[in-house]
Amino acid sequence: MKLSLRGEYALRALIVLGQSDRKSIVRIQTISDEQNIPRRFLSQILNELRAAGIIESRLGAAGGYRMIKAPDQVSLASIIRHIEGPLAPVSCVSERFYAPCTCPDETKCALRSIMKEVREAIVGILETVTVADLCARAKKLEVVPANPLDYVI
């Protein structure tokens, strides 16, 4: 799995939306400015997140976006799968986007065996980390200690 710029921007936009009150509407320009994301590209990404049922949009002068799902109920895996597709590094180990291997015998393929372990490690992390966790990490990283050696992530 390689996270594209589209996937990275989706997660960064969700940090802004996840940190705001779920009742508050966040303007697209605010997200764009805070995360340095081109507005036109951000608009496309937010539409994808809206189609996934993670956020909603409001039109008009007071319009913008807000999360409709609780940030602690949205895993990073679900977002990345929606934006990017499979989490597996090769399609023959994907559970949701499986495609047969091109190797002679899938059961004896050393590469497939290793890639399956890689996929399990990726899924193990991304399924357990939520938007709320991502927001908490972002908030924690904003605080700069007097002595950087005191700061442990």
C-alpha atoms as a PDB file:
ATOM      1  CA  MET A   1       0.000   0.000   0.000  1.00  0.00           C
ATOM      2  CA  LYS A   2       1.225   3.449  -0.900  1.00  0.00           C
ATOM      3  CA  LEU A   3      -0.744   6.422   0.312  1.00  0.00           C
ATOM      4  CA  SER A   4      -1.251   8.860  -2.546  1.00  0.00           C
ATOM      5  CA  LEU A   5      -1.533  12.610  -2.139  1.00  0.00           C
ATOM      6  CA  ARG A   6      -5.315  12.180  -2.412  1.00  0.00           C
ATOM      7  CA  GLY A   7      -5.304   9.777   0.561  1.00  0.00           C
ATOM      8  CA  GLU A   8      -2.985  11.984   2.593  1.00  0.00           C
ATOM      9  CA  TYR A   9      -5.156  15.056   1.939  1.00  0.00           C
ATOM     10  CA  ALA A  10      -8.307  13.133   2.912  1.00  0.00           C
ATOM     11  CA  LEU A  11      -6.781  12.220   6.264  1.00  0.00           C
ATOM     12  CA  ARG A  12      -5.475  15.746   6.841  1.00  0.00           C
ATOM     13  CA  ALA A  13      -8.906  17.217   6.058  1.00  0.00           C
ATOM     14  CA  LEU A  14     -10.453  14.808   8.554  1.00  0.00           C
ATOM     15  CA  ILE A  15      -8.061  16.057  11.233  1.00  0.00           C
ATOM     16  CA  VAL A  16      -9.565  19.530  10.848  1.00  0.00           C
ATOM     17  CA  LEU A  17     -13.131  18.231  10.743  1.00  0.00           C
ATOM     18  CA  GLY A  18     -12.515  15.781  13.584  1.00  0.00           C
ATOM     19  CA  GLN A  19     -11.086  18.483  15.835  1.00  0.00           C
ATOM     20  CA  SER A  20     -14.110  20.719  15.370  1.00  0.00           C
ATOM     21  CA  ASP A  21     -17.386  20.307  17.193  1.00  0.00           C
ATOM     22  CA  ARG A  22     -19.511  17.856  15.176  1.00  0.00           C
ATOM     23  CA  LYS A  23     -22.305  20.429  15.119  1.00  0.00           C
ATOM     24  CA  SER A  24     -20.057  23.119  13.673  1.00  0.00           C
ATOM     25  CA  ILE A  25     -19.697  23.647   9.958  1.00  0.00           C
ATOM     26  CA  VAL A  26     -16.119  24.091   8.718  1.00  0.00           C
ATOM     27  CA  ARG A  27     -15.604  26.075   5.556  1.00  0.00           C
ATOM     28  CA  ILE A  28     -13.573  24.488   2.783  1.00  0.00           C
ATOM     29  CA  GLN A  29     -11.252  27.500   2.786  1.00  0.00           C
ATOM     30  CA  THR A  30     -10.459  26.898   6.463  1.00  0.00           C
ATOM     31  CA  ILE A  31      -9.471  23.289   5.766  1.00  0.00           C
ATOM     32  CA  SER A  32      -7.491  24.346   2.711  1.00  0.00           C
ATOM     33  CA  ASP A  33      -5.621  27.054   4.629  1.00  0.00           C
ATOM     34  CA  GLU A  34      -4.924  24.994   7.759  1.00  0.00           C
ATOM     35  CA  GLN A  35      -3.643  21.971   5.870  1.00  0.00           C
ATOM     36  CA  ASN A  36      -2.177  23.682   2.797  1.00  0.00           C
ATOM     37  CA  ILE A  37      -4.352  21.669   0.410  1.00  0.00           C
ATOM     38  CA  PRO A  38      -5.341  23.127  -2.985  1.00  0.00           C
ATOM     39  CA  ARG A  39      -9.020  24.023  -2.728  1.00  0.00           C
ATOM     40  CA  ARG A  40     -10.078  22.484  -6.039  1.00  0.00           C
ATOM     41  CA  PHE A  41      -8.436  19.151  -5.181  1.00  0.00           C
ATOM     42  CA  LEU A  42      -9.840  19.316  -1.640  1.00  0.00           C
ATOM     43  CA  SER A  43     -13.345  19.781  -3.010  1.00  0.00           C
ATOM     44  CA  GLN A  44     -13.077  16.503  -4.956  1.00  0.00           C
ATOM     45  CA  ILE A  45     -11.767  14.656  -1.895  1.00  0.00           C
ATOM     46  CA  LEU A  46     -14.488  16.026   0.373  1.00  0.00           C
ATOM     47  CA  ASN A  47     -17.094  14.882  -2.154  1.00  0.00           C
ATOM     48  CA  GLU A  48     -15.652  11.353  -1.941  1.00  0.00           C
ATOM     49  CA  LEU A  49     -15.814  11.447   1.862  1.00  0.00           C
ATOM     50  CA  ARG A  50     -19.390  12.699   1.631  1.00  0.00           C
ATOM     51  CA  ALA A  51     -20.281   9.841  -0.713  1.00  0.00           C
ATOM     52  CA  ALA A  52     -18.792   7.434   1.857  1.00  0.00           C
ATOM     53  CA  GLY A  53     -21.158   8.812   4.507  1.00  0.00           C
ATOM     54  CA  ILE A  54     -18.366  10.139   6.725  1.00  0.00           C
ATOM     55  CA  ILE A  55     -19.059  13.854   6.299  1.00  0.00           C
ATOM     56  CA  GLU A  56     -21.892  16.022   5.082  1.00  0.00           C
ATOM     57  CA  SER A  57     -21.906  19.332   3.276  1.00  0.00           C
ATOM     58  CA  ARG A  58     -24.021  22.438   3.566  1.00  0.00           C
ATOM     59  CA  LEU A  59     -24.407  24.884   0.709  1.00  0.00           C
ATOM     60  CA  GLY A  60     -24.598  28.638   0.830  1.00  0.00           C
ATOM     61  CA  ALA A  61     -22.784  31.524   2.455  1.00  0.00           C
ATOM     62  CA  ALA A  62     -22.654  29.698   5.811  1.00  0.00           C
ATOM     63  CA  GLY A  63     -21.884  26.409   4.098  1.00  0.00           C
ATOM     64  CA  GLY A  64     -19.086  23.960   4.602  1.00  0.00           C
ATOM     65  CA  TYR A  65     -18.508  20.480   5.933  1.00  0.00           C
ATOM     66  CA  ARG A  66     -18.843  18.548   9.171  1.00  0.00           C
ATOM     67  CA  MET A  67     -18.401  14.958  10.259  1.00  0.00           C
ATOM     68  CA  ILE A  68     -21.623  13.007  10.581  1.00  0.00           C
ATOM     69  CA  LYS A  69     -19.926   9.927  11.991  1.00  0.00           C
ATOM     70  CA  ALA A  70     -18.229  10.211  15.360  1.00  0.00           C
ATOM     71  CA  PRO A  71     -14.443  10.511  14.870  1.00  0.00           C
ATOM     72  CA  ASP A  72     -13.897   7.580  17.228  1.00  0.00           C
ATOM     73  CA  GLN A  73     -16.090   5.406  14.980  1.00  0.00           C
ATOM     74  CA  VAL A  74     -14.145   5.979  11.750  1.00  0.00           C
ATOM     75  CA  SER A  75     -11.001   3.899  11.258  1.00  0.00           C
ATOM     76  CA  LEU A  76      -8.158   5.069   9.066  1.00  0.00           C
ATOM     77  CA  ALA A  77      -8.465   1.748   7.206  1.00  0.00           C
ATOM     78  CA  SER A  78     -12.030   2.533   6.128  1.00  0.00           C
ATOM     79  CA  ILE A  79     -11.025   5.960   4.836  1.00  0.00           C
ATOM     80  CA  ILE A  80      -7.966   4.706   2.978  1.00  0.00           C
ATOM     81  CA  ARG A  81      -9.915   1.830   1.425  1.00  0.00           C
ATOM     82  CA  HIS A  82     -12.564   4.246   0.207  1.00  0.00           C
ATOM     83  CA  ILE A  83     -10.088   6.760  -1.217  1.00  0.00           C
ATOM     84  CA  GLU A  84      -7.233   4.478  -2.325  1.00  0.00           C
ATOM     85  CA  GLY A  85      -8.589   0.949  -2.633  1.00  0.00           C
ATOM     86  CA  PRO A  86      -6.891  -2.117  -1.139  1.00  0.00           C
ATOM     87  CA  LEU A  87      -4.511  -1.943   1.806  1.00  0.00           C
ATOM     88  CA  ALA A  88      -2.582  -4.980   0.535  1.00  0.00           C
ATOM     89  CA  PRO A  89       0.760  -4.378  -1.201  1.00  0.00           C
ATOM     90  CA  VAL A  90      -0.119  -7.052  -3.805  1.00  0.00           C
ATOM     91  CA  SER A  91      -3.599  -8.057  -4.924  1.00  0.00           C
ATOM     92  CA  CYS A  92      -3.208 -11.783  -4.223  1.00  0.00           C
ATOM     93  CA  VAL A  93      -3.170 -11.130  -0.451  1.00  0.00           C
ATOM     94  CA  SER A  94      -6.057  -8.675  -0.388  1.00  0.00           C
ATOM     95  CA  GLU A  95      -9.167  -9.870   1.415  1.00  0.00           C
ATOM     96  CA  ARG A  96     -11.508  -7.340  -0.206  1.00  0.00           C
ATOM     97  CA  PHE A  97      -9.853  -6.827  -3.600  1.00  0.00           C
ATOM     98  CA  TYR A  98      -8.335 -10.276  -4.229  1.00  0.00           C
ATOM     99  CA  ALA A  99      -6.902 -11.100  -7.616  1.00  0.00           C
ATOM    100  CA  PRO A 100      -5.068 -14.375  -8.375  1.00  0.00           C
ATOM    101  CA  CYS A 101      -1.280 -14.425  -8.289  1.00  0.00           C
ATOM    102  CA  THR A 102       0.717 -14.652 -11.471  1.00  0.00           C
ATOM    103  CA  CYS A 103       3.158 -17.005  -9.764  1.00  0.00           C
ATOM    104  CA  PRO A 104       3.051 -20.757 -10.570  1.00  0.00           C
ATOM    105  CA  ASP A 105       1.705 -21.890  -7.167  1.00  0.00           C
ATOM    106  CA  GLU A 106       0.097 -19.410  -4.791  1.00  0.00           C
ATOM    107  CA  THR A 107       0.472 -21.726  -1.798  1.00  0.00           C
ATOM    108  CA  LYS A 108       4.247 -21.997  -2.253  1.00  0.00           C
ATOM    109  CA  CYS A 109       4.978 -18.385  -3.171  1.00  0.00           C
ATOM    110  CA  ALA A 110       7.493 -16.884  -0.741  1.00  0.00           C
ATOM    111  CA  LEU A 111       6.770 -13.343  -1.920  1.00  0.00           C
ATOM    112  CA  ARG A 112       3.030 -13.790  -1.340  1.00  0.00           C
ATOM    113  CA  SER A 113       3.744 -15.179   2.134  1.00  0.00           C
ATOM    114  CA  ILE A 114       5.795 -12.106   3.108  1.00  0.00           C
ATOM    115  CA  MET A 115       3.317  -9.678   1.527  1.00  0.00           C
ATOM    116  CA  LYS A 116       0.515 -11.303   3.509  1.00  0.00           C
ATOM    117  CA  GLU A 117       2.415 -10.540   6.729  1.00  0.00           C
ATOM    118  CA  VAL A 118       2.938  -6.949   5.545  1.00  0.00           C
ATOM    119  CA  ARG A 119      -0.781  -6.612   4.802  1.00  0.00           C
ATOM    120  CA  GLU A 120      -1.713  -7.998   8.230  1.00  0.00           C
ATOM    121  CA  ALA A 121       0.605  -5.505   9.950  1.00  0.00           C
ATOM    122  CA  ILE A 122      -0.825  -2.589   7.958  1.00  0.00           C
ATOM    123  CA  VAL A 123      -4.424  -3.650   8.598  1.00  0.00           C
ATOM    124  CA  GLY A 124      -3.671  -4.321  12.267  1.00  0.00           C
ATOM    125  CA  ILE A 125      -2.650  -0.712  12.752  1.00  0.00           C
ATOM    126  CA  LEU A 126      -5.063   1.087  10.419  1.00  0.00           C
ATOM    127  CA  GLU A 127      -8.149  -0.797  11.644  1.00  0.00           C
ATOM    128  CA  THR A 128      -7.475   0.202  15.254  1.00  0.00           C
ATOM    129  CA  VAL A 129      -6.522   3.842  14.709  1.00  0.00           C
ATOM    130  CA  THR A 130      -9.486   6.189  14.335  1.00  0.00           C
ATOM    131  CA  VAL A 131      -9.929   9.777  13.225  1.00  0.00           C
ATOM    132  CA  ALA A 132     -10.222  10.657  16.941  1.00  0.00           C
ATOM    133  CA  ASP A 133      -6.805   9.052  17.555  1.00  0.00           C
ATOM    134  CA  LEU A 134      -5.365  10.968  14.618  1.00  0.00           C
ATOM    135  CA  CYS A 135      -6.793  14.228  15.998  1.00  0.00           C
ATOM    136  CA  ALA A 136      -5.386  13.489  19.448  1.00  0.00           C
ATOM    137  CA  ARG A 137      -1.966  12.832  17.928  1.00  0.00           C
ATOM    138  CA  ALA A 138      -2.145  16.093  15.964  1.00  0.00           C
ATOM    139  CA  LYS A 139      -3.072  18.019  19.117  1.00  0.00           C
ATOM    140  CA  LYS A 140      -0.276  16.373  21.101  1.00  0.00           C
ATOM    141  CA  LEU A 141       2.273  17.264  18.419  1.00  0.00           C
ATOM    142  CA  GLU A 142       1.188  20.924  18.500  1.00  0.00           C
ATOM    143  CA  VAL A 143       2.434  21.234  22.069  1.00  0.00           C
ATOM    144  CA  VAL A 144       6.145  21.969  22.059  1.00  0.00           C
ATOM    145  CA  PRO A 145       7.859  21.195  25.382  1.00  0.00           C
ATOM    146  CA  ALA A 146      10.477  23.485  26.879  1.00  0.00           C
ATOM    147  CA  ASN A 147      12.939  20.604  26.646  1.00  0.00           C
ATOM    148  CA  PRO A 148      12.425  18.506  23.482  1.00  0.00           C
ATOM    149  CA  LEU A 149      13.985  15.514  25.267  1.00  0.00           C
ATOM    150  CA  ASP A 150      10.985  15.537  27.637  1.00  0.00           C
ATOM    151  CA  TYR A 151       8.645  14.942  24.738  1.00  0.00           C
ATOM    152  CA  VAL A 152       7.790  11.307  24.147  1.00  0.00           C
ATOM    153  CA  ILE A 153       5.234  10.269  21.550  1.00  0.00           C
END
